[in-house]
Amino acid sequence: MLNLPNHMTIGPADDYDANGTDWDADRIPRWTDLEWERGDLLDTIDEYDKTYIMTAECNGITYEGTGVYSCEELIEVTDIEIKR
């Protein structure tokens, strides 16, 4: 049985190897650890939920992902990539 962390994160840093080690933790921080800026609207899911392009910068690296807002509150950021 794998001994995985007891919390939920979203994005590429969520991938764990067979030993339960977070293989990408040094490269992409968890989305909750970054200060995100909302960019262009991508899609309106319903009257409450919308998706936006999101950007964040940490240690001189710029990250971009897709953010889901519900009732104008950021719920999650997915598909996080490093932008150079």
Protein backbone atom coordinates (compact mmCIF):
# COMPACT_ATOMS: atom_id res chain seq x y z
CA MET A 1 0.00 0.00 0.00
CA LEU A 2 1.29 3.45 -0.94
CA ASN A 3 1.81 6.03 1.76
CA LEU A 4 0.55 9.13 -0.07
CA PRO A 5 0.19 12.59 1.48
CA ASN A 6 -3.09 13.18 3.24
CA HIS A 7 -4.12 16.27 1.27
CA MET A 8 -5.42 17.12 -2.18
CA THR A 9 -3.49 19.15 -4.72
CA ILE A 10 -4.15 19.79 -8.36
CA GLY A 11 -1.77 19.98 -11.32
CA PRO A 12 1.40 18.27 -12.48
CA ALA A 13 2.92 18.33 -8.98
CA ASP A 14 0.24 15.81 -7.94
CA ASP A 15 1.93 12.92 -9.73
CA TYR A 16 3.58 10.48 -7.37
CA ASP A 17 5.91 7.62 -8.25
CA ALA A 18 5.47 4.03 -7.03
CA ASN A 19 7.19 4.92 -3.73
CA GLY A 20 4.75 7.76 -3.02
CA THR A 21 7.37 10.41 -3.75
CA ASP A 22 6.19 13.61 -5.36
CA TRP A 23 8.51 13.53 -8.41
CA ASP A 24 7.79 17.06 -9.59
CA ALA A 25 7.65 18.98 -6.29
CA ASP A 26 10.92 20.84 -6.95
CA ARG A 27 9.79 22.02 -10.38
CA ILE A 28 6.12 23.04 -10.03
CA PRO A 29 4.69 24.11 -6.66
CA ARG A 30 1.19 23.10 -5.65
CA TRP A 31 -1.39 25.49 -7.05
CA THR A 32 -2.50 26.54 -3.57
CA ASP A 33 1.03 27.78 -2.78
CA LEU A 34 1.04 30.38 -5.58
CA GLU A 35 -0.54 33.83 -5.88
CA TRP A 36 -2.64 33.61 -9.05
CA GLU A 37 -3.69 36.45 -11.34
CA ARG A 38 -6.86 36.02 -13.36
CA GLY A 39 -6.47 36.56 -17.10
CA ASP A 40 -8.82 36.16 -20.06
CA LEU A 41 -12.15 34.36 -19.76
CA LEU A 42 -12.02 30.97 -21.49
CA ASP A 43 -15.52 29.60 -20.92
CA THR A 44 -18.75 30.16 -19.01
CA ILE A 45 -19.81 26.83 -17.53
CA ASP A 46 -23.07 28.07 -16.04
CA GLU A 47 -24.33 31.26 -14.40
CA TYR A 48 -22.01 30.72 -11.41
CA ASP A 49 -18.93 28.93 -12.76
CA LYS A 50 -16.39 30.34 -15.23
CA THR A 51 -12.89 29.29 -16.38
CA TYR A 52 -10.03 31.73 -16.89
CA ILE A 53 -6.38 31.69 -17.94
CA MET A 54 -4.38 32.03 -14.73
CA THR A 55 -0.78 33.13 -14.26
CA ALA A 56 1.53 33.14 -11.25
CA GLU A 57 5.20 33.89 -10.68
CA CYS A 58 7.45 32.26 -8.10
CA ASN A 59 11.25 32.45 -7.84
CA GLY A 60 11.51 34.04 -11.30
CA ILE A 61 9.46 31.29 -12.97
CA THR A 62 6.09 32.05 -14.57
CA TYR A 63 3.34 29.43 -14.35
CA GLU A 64 0.15 29.32 -16.42
CA GLY A 65 -2.95 27.21 -15.86
CA THR A 66 -6.72 27.06 -16.14
CA GLY A 67 -8.61 28.45 -13.16
CA VAL A 68 -12.18 27.65 -12.22
CA TYR A 69 -14.11 30.37 -10.41
CA SER A 70 -17.44 29.75 -8.71
CA CYS A 71 -19.36 32.75 -7.38
CA GLU A 72 -16.22 34.86 -8.07
CA GLU A 73 -14.05 32.65 -5.82
CA LEU A 74 -11.07 30.66 -7.17
CA ILE A 75 -11.88 26.97 -6.68
CA GLU A 76 -8.97 25.23 -8.44
CA VAL A 77 -6.19 25.67 -10.99
CA THR A 78 -5.49 22.78 -13.36
CA ASP A 79 -3.22 22.07 -16.36
CA ILE A 80 -0.35 24.07 -14.86
CA GLU A 81 2.64 24.60 -17.15
CA ILE A 82 5.92 26.49 -16.86
CA LYS A 83 6.06 29.44 -19.27
CA ARG A 84 9.47 30.74 -20.24
